[in-house]
Amino acid sequence: MDLTVVVPTRNRPALLRQMLQSLEKAQRPSFRWEVIVADNNSDPQHRELNLEVVSSATLCVRHVLESLPGKSA
């Protein structure tokens, strides 16, 4: 892997989808990278939507759940 992009999110599946689509447009065959979506304790409905967004991405994307809300939560 050449690069890892970590994206924190909480209850914002529409913005997550938009961001992943933008990253998909930036893909280059000569560059290997992955995206880690750090879900900061989204409520169950939004967490499910986040998982749908991640599973539909064409990038190498992993979803990681952080159950303790951060300071801005």
N, C-alpha and C. Protein backbone atom coordinates (compact mmCIF):
# COMPACT_ATOMS: atom_id res chain seq x y z
N MET A 1 0.85 -1.17 0.00
CA MET A 1 0.00 0.00 0.00
C MET A 1 0.89 1.23 0.00
N ASP A 2 0.60 2.17 -0.89
CA ASP A 2 1.37 3.41 -0.97
C ASP A 2 0.84 4.49 -0.02
N LEU A 3 -0.47 4.45 0.24
CA LEU A 3 -1.08 5.51 1.05
C LEU A 3 -2.34 4.99 1.73
N THR A 4 -2.57 5.44 2.95
CA THR A 4 -3.81 5.16 3.67
C THR A 4 -4.48 6.49 4.00
N VAL A 5 -5.75 6.62 3.65
CA VAL A 5 -6.53 7.81 3.95
C VAL A 5 -7.51 7.42 5.05
N VAL A 6 -7.48 8.13 6.19
CA VAL A 6 -8.39 7.86 7.29
C VAL A 6 -9.43 8.97 7.32
N VAL A 7 -10.70 8.57 7.28
CA VAL A 7 -11.80 9.52 7.23
C VAL A 7 -12.68 9.33 8.46
N PRO A 8 -12.67 10.30 9.38
CA PRO A 8 -13.59 10.21 10.51
C PRO A 8 -14.99 10.65 10.10
N THR A 9 -16.00 9.99 10.64
CA THR A 9 -17.37 10.36 10.32
C THR A 9 -18.29 10.02 11.48
N ARG A 10 -19.41 10.73 11.53
CA ARG A 10 -20.45 10.43 12.52
C ARG A 10 -21.78 10.95 11.99
N ASN A 11 -22.69 10.02 11.71
CA ASN A 11 -24.05 10.37 11.28
C ASN A 11 -24.09 11.21 10.00
N ARG A 12 -23.20 10.97 9.06
CA ARG A 12 -23.18 11.75 7.81
C ARG A 12 -22.96 10.85 6.59
N PRO A 13 -23.84 9.90 6.34
CA PRO A 13 -23.63 8.99 5.21
C PRO A 13 -23.64 9.69 3.85
N ALA A 14 -24.42 10.75 3.68
CA ALA A 14 -24.45 11.44 2.38
C ALA A 14 -23.10 12.09 2.09
N LEU A 15 -22.51 12.72 3.10
CA LEU A 15 -21.19 13.33 2.90
C LEU A 15 -20.12 12.26 2.70
N LEU A 16 -20.25 11.13 3.39
CA LEU A 16 -19.31 10.03 3.21
C LEU A 16 -19.38 9.52 1.77
N ARG A 17 -20.57 9.34 1.25
CA ARG A 17 -20.73 8.88 -0.14
C ARG A 17 -20.09 9.87 -1.11
N GLN A 18 -20.34 11.14 -0.90
CA GLN A 18 -19.79 12.18 -1.77
C GLN A 18 -18.25 12.18 -1.72
N MET A 19 -17.69 12.04 -0.53
CA MET A 19 -16.25 12.03 -0.38
C MET A 19 -15.63 10.80 -1.05
N LEU A 20 -16.24 9.63 -0.87
CA LEU A 20 -15.71 8.42 -1.51
C LEU A 20 -15.81 8.51 -3.03
N GLN A 21 -16.88 9.10 -3.54
CA GLN A 21 -16.99 9.27 -4.99
C GLN A 21 -15.90 10.19 -5.51
N SER A 22 -15.58 11.23 -4.77
CA SER A 22 -14.49 12.12 -5.17
C SER A 22 -13.15 11.39 -5.17
N LEU A 23 -12.92 10.57 -4.15
CA LEU A 23 -11.68 9.80 -4.11
C LEU A 23 -11.61 8.77 -5.24
N GLU A 24 -12.75 8.19 -5.59
CA GLU A 24 -12.77 7.23 -6.70
C GLU A 24 -12.33 7.90 -8.00
N LYS A 25 -12.72 9.14 -8.20
CA LYS A 25 -12.31 9.88 -9.42
C LYS A 25 -10.82 10.15 -9.43
N ALA A 26 -10.19 10.17 -8.26
CA ALA A 26 -8.76 10.46 -8.17
C ALA A 26 -7.88 9.22 -8.30
N GLN A 27 -8.47 8.05 -8.47
CA GLN A 27 -7.71 6.80 -8.58
C GLN A 27 -6.79 6.83 -9.79
N ARG A 28 -5.59 6.26 -9.59
CA ARG A 28 -4.63 6.09 -10.67
C ARG A 28 -4.11 4.66 -10.60
N PRO A 29 -3.98 3.99 -11.74
CA PRO A 29 -3.56 2.59 -11.71
C PRO A 29 -2.16 2.37 -11.12
N SER A 30 -1.30 3.35 -11.19
CA SER A 30 0.07 3.17 -10.72
C SER A 30 0.22 3.45 -9.22
N PHE A 31 -0.88 3.79 -8.55
CA PHE A 31 -0.81 4.18 -7.14
C PHE A 31 -1.79 3.34 -6.34
N ARG A 32 -1.28 2.60 -5.34
CA ARG A 32 -2.14 1.73 -4.52
C ARG A 32 -2.44 2.42 -3.20
N TRP A 33 -3.72 2.52 -2.88
CA TRP A 33 -4.10 3.15 -1.63
C TRP A 33 -5.38 2.57 -1.10
N GLU A 34 -5.63 2.85 0.18
CA GLU A 34 -6.82 2.36 0.85
C GLU A 34 -7.46 3.51 1.63
N VAL A 35 -8.73 3.32 1.97
CA VAL A 35 -9.45 4.29 2.79
C VAL A 35 -9.98 3.56 4.01
N ILE A 36 -9.76 4.14 5.18
CA ILE A 36 -10.33 3.62 6.41
C ILE A 36 -11.36 4.64 6.90
N VAL A 37 -12.60 4.20 6.99
CA VAL A 37 -13.67 5.05 7.51
C VAL A 37 -13.79 4.77 9.00
N ALA A 38 -13.46 5.77 9.81
CA ALA A 38 -13.53 5.65 11.27
C ALA A 38 -14.88 6.23 11.71
N ASP A 39 -15.82 5.34 11.94
CA ASP A 39 -17.18 5.72 12.32
C ASP A 39 -17.20 5.98 13.82
N ASN A 40 -17.38 7.24 14.20
CA ASN A 40 -17.30 7.64 15.60
C ASN A 40 -18.68 7.59 16.27
N ASN A 41 -19.13 6.36 16.51
CA ASN A 41 -20.36 6.11 17.28
C ASN A 41 -21.61 6.67 16.61
N SER A 42 -21.73 6.49 15.30
CA SER A 42 -22.97 6.89 14.63
C SER A 42 -24.14 6.13 15.22
N ASP A 43 -25.33 6.73 15.18
CA ASP A 43 -26.50 6.00 15.67
C ASP A 43 -26.75 4.81 14.74
N PRO A 44 -27.50 3.81 15.19
CA PRO A 44 -27.66 2.57 14.40
C PRO A 44 -28.15 2.79 12.97
N GLN A 45 -29.08 3.69 12.76
CA GLN A 45 -29.60 3.93 11.41
C GLN A 45 -28.49 4.49 10.51
N HIS A 46 -27.75 5.47 10.98
CA HIS A 46 -26.68 6.05 10.17
C HIS A 46 -25.51 5.09 10.00
N ARG A 47 -25.23 4.29 11.02
CA ARG A 47 -24.16 3.30 10.89
C ARG A 47 -24.47 2.33 9.77
N GLU A 48 -25.73 1.88 9.70
CA GLU A 48 -26.13 0.97 8.63
C GLU A 48 -25.96 1.62 7.26
N LEU A 49 -26.35 2.88 7.15
CA LEU A 49 -26.18 3.61 5.89
C LEU A 49 -24.70 3.77 5.56
N ASN A 50 -23.87 4.06 6.56
CA ASN A 50 -22.43 4.16 6.33
C ASN A 50 -21.87 2.85 5.78
N LEU A 51 -22.32 1.73 6.35
CA LEU A 51 -21.86 0.42 5.87
C LEU A 51 -22.29 0.17 4.43
N GLU A 52 -23.48 0.60 4.05
CA GLU A 52 -23.93 0.47 2.67
C GLU A 52 -23.06 1.30 1.74
N VAL A 53 -22.73 2.51 2.15
CA VAL A 53 -21.87 3.38 1.35
C VAL A 53 -20.50 2.73 1.16
N VAL A 54 -19.93 2.22 2.24
CA VAL A 54 -18.61 1.59 2.17
C VAL A 54 -18.65 0.36 1.26
N SER A 55 -19.68 -0.44 1.38
CA SER A 55 -19.74 -1.67 0.57
C SER A 55 -19.97 -1.40 -0.91
N SER A 56 -20.52 -0.24 -1.25
CA SER A 56 -20.75 0.07 -2.66
C SER A 56 -19.58 0.80 -3.31
N ALA A 57 -18.57 1.14 -2.55
CA ALA A 57 -17.42 1.87 -3.09
C ALA A 57 -16.56 0.95 -3.95
N THR A 58 -15.91 1.53 -4.95
CA THR A 58 -15.01 0.75 -5.81
C THR A 58 -13.58 0.81 -5.29
N LEU A 59 -13.33 1.62 -4.29
CA LEU A 59 -12.01 1.70 -3.67
C LEU A 59 -11.83 0.58 -2.65
N CYS A 60 -10.62 0.43 -2.19
CA CYS A 60 -10.35 -0.46 -1.07
C CYS A 60 -10.71 0.32 0.19
N VAL A 61 -11.88 0.02 0.78
CA VAL A 61 -12.39 0.77 1.93
C VAL A 61 -12.69 -0.18 3.08
N ARG A 62 -12.26 0.21 4.28
CA ARG A 62 -12.59 -0.54 5.49
C ARG A 62 -13.37 0.37 6.42
N HIS A 63 -14.33 -0.21 7.11
CA HIS A 63 -15.15 0.52 8.09
C HIS A 63 -14.72 0.07 9.47
N VAL A 64 -14.35 1.03 10.32
CA VAL A 64 -13.94 0.73 11.69
C VAL A 64 -14.84 1.53 12.62
N LEU A 65 -15.42 0.85 13.60
CA LEU A 65 -16.31 1.51 14.54
C LEU A 65 -15.57 1.90 15.81
N GLU A 66 -15.66 3.16 16.17
CA GLU A 66 -15.16 3.67 17.45
C GLU A 66 -16.38 3.98 18.29
N SER A 67 -16.63 3.19 19.34
CA SER A 67 -17.88 3.33 20.10
C SER A 67 -17.88 4.49 21.09
N LEU A 68 -16.72 5.04 21.40
CA LEU A 68 -16.68 6.20 22.30
C LEU A 68 -16.73 7.47 21.48
N PRO A 69 -17.74 8.32 21.69
CA PRO A 69 -17.84 9.55 20.91
C PRO A 69 -16.69 10.50 21.21
N GLY A 70 -16.24 11.19 20.17
CA GLY A 70 -15.17 12.16 20.32
C GLY A 70 -15.65 13.46 20.93
N LYS A 71 -14.76 14.42 21.05
CA LYS A 71 -15.10 15.69 21.69
C LYS A 71 -16.15 16.49 20.93
N SER A 72 -16.17 16.36 19.61
CA SER A 72 -17.13 17.15 18.84
C SER A 72 -18.48 16.45 18.68
N ALA A 73 -18.64 15.27 19.26
CA ALA A 73 -19.87 14.49 19.10
C ALA A 73 -21.02 15.09 19.87
